[in-house]
Amino acid sequence: MQDPTEVFEEYRPLLLGLGYRLLGSMWNAEDIVQDAYLRWLGTDRTEIKEPRAFLVTVVTRLALDQLRSARVTREAYVGPWLPEPVSGTEFGPQETAELRDTLSYATLHLMERLSPPERAAFVLREAFELPYDDIAEIVGSPAATCRQLHHRAAKRLADGRDRFEPSTADHTALLTRFLDAAEDGDLATLTELLSEDVVAWNDGGGKVRAARVPIIGRVHVLAFVTGLTSRYPMGDVRVVESNGAPAIWMAMGGQQQLVAFDIRDGRIHNIFGILNPDKLSHIRP
């Protein structure tokens, strides 16, 4: 019989990817995967026909429990709560468009709108292509209900994401233009790059100085960006990979941060500034 730890390690990247997509936090994903490992060791494995299905079920249910309790914690969070950025290589190759899409930072941010069952149904169906009967067994609802949960989740996310992501080269070129324009105070180029309804989100978690409310609209975001760059010179600026797409790693005013972008139709619709140092440990270049 194969060693139980070897069996589990075979599925660890998949389970981490599942937990991260459900929770938006690598720290929490690692915790529930470790909990799943302990449960795996304490289970009579002779009765388990499909280890993958068993482990996916355990991790999803643990994540659902965390999501339900996390709502209270996030309501008390100082400023906007943003997902923890990670490297796209954390979970092995992203072999399908659905895996890449559900890992993207913009999609993870949008998934915060969903109820825990909607998020579970969406991730299990979109990223892991599970049939509704299997999803029903995992979340404890009829298959017809799970189909409705997935449909409702997909509909709620559809308006806020672009299924046709820009290429890495185009994404990088746009970020480079944005950086150059911000540093030069080039309002014309910045206006061209930002959508009219752009929103800037900043997550300092109360640990570092950051805007505590979203900055909404092109005029206000322009003022915010140019105000920052005129006050604080940008240092250690580089383009890095985060959640499978280019992002900016930079220091400003002595504070390191990662800035991710939601790009649709060639324009920036959301700017995500992650400054909370607790959320940067998995992405440091």
Protein backbone atom coordinates (compact mmCIF):
# COMPACT_ATOMS: atom_id res chain seq x y z
CA MET A 1 0.00 0.00 0.00
CA GLN A 2 1.30 3.47 -0.91
CA ASP A 3 2.52 5.60 1.97
CA PRO A 4 -0.35 7.95 3.07
CA THR A 5 1.93 10.98 3.20
CA GLU A 6 3.11 10.32 -0.37
CA VAL A 7 -0.50 10.09 -1.51
CA PHE A 8 -1.37 13.36 0.18
CA GLU A 9 1.68 15.19 -1.15
CA GLU A 10 0.66 14.22 -4.66
CA TYR A 11 -2.50 16.29 -4.20
CA ARG A 12 -1.10 19.09 -2.03
CA PRO A 13 -0.66 21.67 -4.87
CA LEU A 14 -4.22 21.01 -6.08
CA LEU A 15 -5.60 21.32 -2.54
CA LEU A 16 -3.68 24.53 -1.89
CA GLY A 17 -5.02 25.97 -5.14
CA LEU A 18 -8.55 25.02 -4.14
CA GLY A 19 -8.22 26.46 -0.64
CA TYR A 20 -6.65 29.67 -1.92
CA ARG A 21 -9.36 30.23 -4.53
CA LEU A 22 -12.03 29.69 -1.89
CA LEU A 23 -10.45 31.88 0.79
CA GLY A 24 -8.29 34.45 -1.01
CA SER A 25 -5.57 33.82 1.57
CA MET A 26 -2.56 31.56 1.23
CA TRP A 27 -2.03 31.54 4.99
CA ASN A 28 -5.54 30.21 5.57
CA ALA A 29 -5.27 27.80 2.64
CA GLU A 30 -2.13 26.31 4.15
CA ASP A 31 -3.90 25.94 7.51
CA ILE A 32 -6.88 24.04 6.13
CA VAL A 33 -4.68 21.84 3.92
CA GLN A 34 -2.63 20.90 6.98
CA ASP A 35 -5.87 20.16 8.85
CA ALA A 36 -6.97 18.01 5.90
CA TYR A 37 -3.66 16.14 6.07
CA LEU A 38 -4.19 15.30 9.76
CA ARG A 39 -7.72 14.11 9.01
CA TRP A 40 -6.37 12.02 6.13
CA LEU A 41 -3.89 10.32 8.44
CA GLY A 42 -6.61 9.63 11.01
CA THR A 43 -9.08 8.16 8.51
CA ASP A 44 -9.56 4.50 7.63
CA ARG A 45 -8.22 4.83 4.08
CA THR A 46 -9.22 1.30 3.09
CA GLU A 47 -12.76 2.66 2.68
CA ILE A 48 -11.70 5.55 0.42
CA LYS A 49 -11.92 4.65 -3.25
CA GLU A 50 -10.86 8.06 -4.61
CA PRO A 51 -8.37 9.99 -2.44
CA ARG A 52 -8.66 13.09 -4.66
CA ALA A 53 -12.43 13.29 -4.22
CA PHE A 54 -12.16 12.69 -0.48
CA LEU A 55 -9.50 15.39 -0.01
CA VAL A 56 -11.28 17.94 -2.21
CA THR A 57 -14.40 17.40 -0.11
CA VAL A 58 -12.54 17.86 3.19
CA VAL A 59 -10.73 21.02 2.04
CA THR A 60 -13.90 22.57 0.59
CA ARG A 61 -15.89 21.97 3.76
CA LEU A 62 -13.10 23.37 5.93
CA ALA A 63 -12.93 26.42 3.65
CA LEU A 64 -16.70 26.92 3.85
CA ASP A 65 -16.48 26.94 7.65
CA GLN A 66 -13.72 29.55 7.47
CA LEU A 67 -15.58 31.68 4.94
CA ARG A 68 -18.63 31.87 7.19
CA SER A 69 -16.57 33.01 10.17
CA ALA A 70 -14.33 35.27 8.05
CA ARG A 71 -17.23 37.58 7.20
CA VAL A 72 -17.30 38.87 10.77
CA THR A 73 -13.51 39.28 10.85
CA ARG A 74 -13.41 41.13 7.52
CA GLU A 75 -16.17 43.50 8.59
CA ALA A 76 -13.89 44.59 11.46
CA TYR A 77 -10.83 44.86 9.17
CA VAL A 78 -9.26 48.32 8.94
CA GLY A 79 -9.89 49.58 5.40
CA PRO A 80 -10.68 47.42 2.36
CA TRP A 81 -9.83 43.73 2.66
CA LEU A 82 -8.01 42.49 -0.45
CA PRO A 83 -6.94 38.94 -1.31
CA GLU A 84 -3.38 37.91 -0.55
CA PRO A 85 -1.32 37.92 -3.77
CA VAL A 86 0.60 34.77 -4.66
CA SER A 87 2.81 33.49 -7.43
CA GLY A 88 0.90 31.74 -10.19
CA THR A 89 3.34 28.83 -9.92
CA GLU A 90 2.37 27.98 -6.31
CA PHE A 91 -0.17 25.40 -7.42
CA GLY A 92 1.51 23.77 -10.38
CA PRO A 93 0.76 24.46 -14.05
CA GLN A 94 -2.47 26.34 -14.79
CA GLU A 95 -3.47 24.13 -17.68
CA THR A 96 -6.91 25.54 -18.49
CA ALA A 97 -8.31 29.01 -19.06
CA GLU A 98 -10.69 28.42 -16.15
CA LEU A 99 -7.84 27.66 -13.76
CA ARG A 100 -6.06 30.84 -14.84
CA ASP A 101 -9.22 32.94 -14.64
CA THR A 102 -10.17 31.80 -11.14
CA LEU A 103 -6.63 32.58 -9.97
CA SER A 104 -6.58 36.11 -11.39
CA TYR A 105 -6.52 38.86 -8.81
CA ALA A 106 -9.53 40.67 -10.27
CA THR A 107 -11.65 37.50 -10.18
CA LEU A 108 -10.61 36.71 -6.60
CA HIS A 109 -11.59 40.23 -5.59
CA LEU A 110 -14.96 39.89 -7.28
CA MET A 111 -15.58 36.55 -5.59
CA GLU A 112 -15.75 38.38 -2.26
CA ARG A 113 -19.26 39.41 -3.39
CA LEU A 114 -20.44 35.80 -3.34
CA SER A 115 -21.94 33.84 -0.49
CA PRO A 116 -19.81 30.90 0.72
CA PRO A 117 -21.97 28.29 -1.09
CA GLU A 118 -21.94 30.36 -4.30
CA ARG A 119 -18.16 30.68 -4.15
CA ALA A 120 -17.72 26.96 -3.54
CA ALA A 121 -20.05 26.01 -6.39
CA PHE A 122 -18.35 28.48 -8.74
CA VAL A 123 -14.78 27.36 -7.96
CA LEU A 124 -15.54 23.64 -7.99
CA ARG A 125 -17.38 23.91 -11.29
CA GLU A 126 -15.23 26.49 -13.11
CA ALA A 127 -11.73 25.61 -11.95
CA PHE A 128 -12.06 21.90 -11.20
CA GLU A 129 -14.86 20.97 -13.61
CA LEU A 130 -16.74 18.84 -11.09
CA PRO A 131 -20.19 17.60 -12.06
CA TYR A 132 -23.10 19.06 -10.11
CA ASP A 133 -23.80 15.74 -8.41
CA ASP A 134 -20.29 15.78 -6.91
CA ILE A 135 -20.62 19.43 -5.89
CA ALA A 136 -23.92 18.61 -4.23
CA GLU A 137 -22.31 15.90 -2.12
CA ILE A 138 -19.52 18.26 -1.07
CA VAL A 139 -21.61 21.29 -0.10
CA GLY A 140 -24.61 19.34 1.19
CA SER A 141 -27.23 20.74 -1.19
CA PRO A 142 -29.23 19.13 -4.02
CA ALA A 143 -27.60 19.12 -7.45
CA ALA A 144 -30.31 21.45 -8.79
CA THR A 145 -29.51 23.95 -6.04
CA CYS A 146 -25.80 23.75 -6.85
CA ARG A 147 -26.55 24.41 -10.49
CA GLN A 148 -28.47 27.53 -9.43
CA LEU A 149 -25.65 28.60 -7.10
CA HIS A 150 -23.13 28.33 -9.93
CA HIS A 151 -25.39 30.13 -12.39
CA ARG A 152 -26.06 32.94 -9.90
CA ALA A 153 -22.35 33.29 -9.08
CA ALA A 154 -21.32 33.36 -12.74
CA LYS A 155 -23.96 35.98 -13.48
CA ARG A 156 -22.86 38.17 -10.57
CA LEU A 157 -19.23 38.03 -11.72
CA ALA A 158 -19.84 38.40 -15.46
CA ASP A 159 -20.15 42.19 -15.50
CA GLY A 160 -16.96 42.69 -13.54
CA ARG A 161 -14.45 40.59 -15.45
CA ASP A 162 -13.13 40.17 -18.95
CA ARG A 163 -12.76 36.58 -20.10
CA PHE A 164 -10.33 37.75 -22.78
CA GLU A 165 -7.29 38.67 -20.75
CA PRO A 166 -4.57 40.78 -22.39
CA SER A 167 -1.40 38.94 -23.28
CA THR A 168 1.49 39.13 -20.83
CA ALA A 169 3.36 41.40 -23.23
CA ASP A 170 0.39 43.78 -23.65
CA HIS A 171 -0.27 43.76 -19.90
CA THR A 172 3.37 44.56 -19.14
CA ALA A 173 3.47 47.31 -21.76
CA LEU A 174 0.39 48.97 -20.28
CA LEU A 175 1.83 48.82 -16.75
CA THR A 176 5.09 50.32 -17.99
CA ARG A 177 3.18 53.19 -19.65
CA PHE A 178 1.23 53.72 -16.44
CA LEU A 179 4.41 53.82 -14.33
CA ASP A 180 6.16 56.24 -16.67
CA ALA A 181 3.12 58.52 -16.84
CA ALA A 182 2.62 58.47 -13.06
CA GLU A 183 6.27 59.30 -12.42
CA ASP A 184 6.25 62.11 -15.01
CA GLY A 185 2.86 63.49 -13.95
CA ASP A 186 1.60 62.92 -17.49
CA LEU A 187 -2.12 63.50 -16.97
CA ALA A 188 -3.01 62.99 -20.63
CA THR A 189 -1.57 59.48 -20.74
CA LEU A 190 -2.97 58.57 -17.32
CA THR A 191 -6.42 59.75 -18.43
CA GLU A 192 -6.13 57.59 -21.54
CA LEU A 193 -5.13 54.52 -19.51
CA LEU A 194 -7.78 54.77 -16.78
CA SER A 195 -11.43 53.89 -17.34
CA GLU A 196 -13.94 56.52 -16.33
CA ASP A 197 -15.22 54.38 -13.46
CA VAL A 198 -11.80 53.17 -12.27
CA VAL A 199 -11.48 52.33 -8.56
CA ALA A 200 -8.28 52.33 -6.49
CA TRP A 201 -8.27 49.93 -3.51
CA ASN A 202 -5.61 50.03 -0.80
CA ASP A 203 -5.13 47.35 1.85
CA GLY A 204 -2.92 48.40 4.73
CA GLY A 205 -4.82 46.38 7.32
CA GLY A 206 -4.27 49.13 9.89
CA LYS A 207 -0.58 48.18 10.02
CA VAL A 208 0.72 50.77 7.57
CA ARG A 209 -0.64 54.04 6.27
CA ALA A 210 -3.09 53.51 3.41
CA ALA A 211 -6.35 54.96 2.12
CA ARG A 212 -9.15 53.40 4.18
CA VAL A 213 -11.91 53.81 1.62
CA PRO A 214 -11.95 52.97 -2.10
CA ILE A 215 -11.11 55.89 -4.38
CA ILE A 216 -13.75 55.98 -7.08
CA GLY A 217 -13.70 57.59 -10.51
CA ARG A 218 -11.02 58.74 -12.92
CA VAL A 219 -10.76 62.29 -11.56
CA HIS A 220 -10.25 61.15 -7.97
CA VAL A 221 -7.87 58.33 -8.89
CA LEU A 222 -5.79 60.72 -11.01
CA ALA A 223 -5.53 63.10 -8.07
CA PHE A 224 -4.62 60.23 -5.73
CA VAL A 225 -1.91 58.80 -8.00
CA THR A 226 -0.31 62.13 -8.91
CA GLY A 227 -0.49 63.27 -5.29
CA LEU A 228 1.39 60.19 -4.13
CA THR A 229 4.07 60.36 -6.82
CA SER A 230 4.66 64.07 -6.23
CA ARG A 231 5.08 63.50 -2.49
CA TYR A 232 6.95 60.19 -2.47
CA PRO A 233 9.54 59.18 -5.07
CA MET A 234 9.06 55.64 -6.36
CA GLY A 235 11.95 53.31 -5.56
CA ASP A 236 12.78 49.66 -6.26
CA VAL A 237 10.13 49.53 -8.99
CA ARG A 238 9.89 46.32 -10.97
CA VAL A 239 7.31 44.32 -12.88
CA VAL A 240 6.70 40.93 -11.25
CA GLU A 241 4.31 38.03 -11.73
CA SER A 242 1.34 37.83 -9.36
CA ASN A 243 -1.64 35.50 -9.70
CA GLY A 244 -0.57 34.61 -13.21
CA ALA A 245 -0.32 38.18 -14.51
CA PRO A 246 2.14 41.09 -14.43
CA ALA A 247 1.97 43.39 -11.40
CA ILE A 248 4.16 46.12 -9.94
CA TRP A 249 6.41 45.65 -6.93
CA MET A 250 7.54 48.98 -5.56
CA ALA A 251 8.60 50.98 -2.55
CA MET A 252 7.00 54.35 -1.91
CA GLY A 253 7.60 56.46 1.15
CA GLY A 254 9.61 53.61 2.61
CA GLN A 255 6.68 51.22 2.33
CA GLN A 256 6.93 48.15 0.10
CA GLN A 257 3.79 47.17 -1.75
CA LEU A 258 2.43 45.15 -4.60
CA VAL A 259 0.09 46.84 -7.06
CA ALA A 260 -2.12 44.63 -9.21
CA PHE A 261 -4.37 45.81 -12.03
CA ASP A 262 -7.68 44.79 -13.52
CA ILE A 263 -7.37 45.53 -17.24
CA ARG A 264 -10.36 45.34 -19.55
CA ASP A 265 -10.58 46.53 -23.15
CA GLY A 266 -7.13 48.08 -22.91
CA ARG A 267 -7.92 50.26 -19.89
CA ILE A 268 -7.39 49.99 -16.14
CA HIS A 269 -10.65 49.40 -14.27
CA ASN A 270 -9.27 48.58 -10.83
CA ILE A 271 -5.98 49.28 -9.07
CA PHE A 272 -5.25 47.03 -6.09
CA GLY A 273 -2.56 48.26 -3.71
CA ILE A 274 -1.57 45.60 -1.18
CA LEU A 275 0.52 47.25 1.54
CA ASN A 276 -0.28 45.05 4.54
CA PRO A 277 3.10 43.35 5.17
CA ASP A 278 1.34 40.20 6.39
CA LYS A 279 -0.01 39.68 2.87
CA LEU A 280 3.26 40.10 1.00
CA SER A 281 5.29 37.15 2.24
CA HIS A 282 4.26 34.83 -0.63
CA ILE A 283 5.02 37.31 -3.38
CA ARG A 284 8.26 39.07 -2.42
CA PRO A 285 10.61 39.21 -5.46
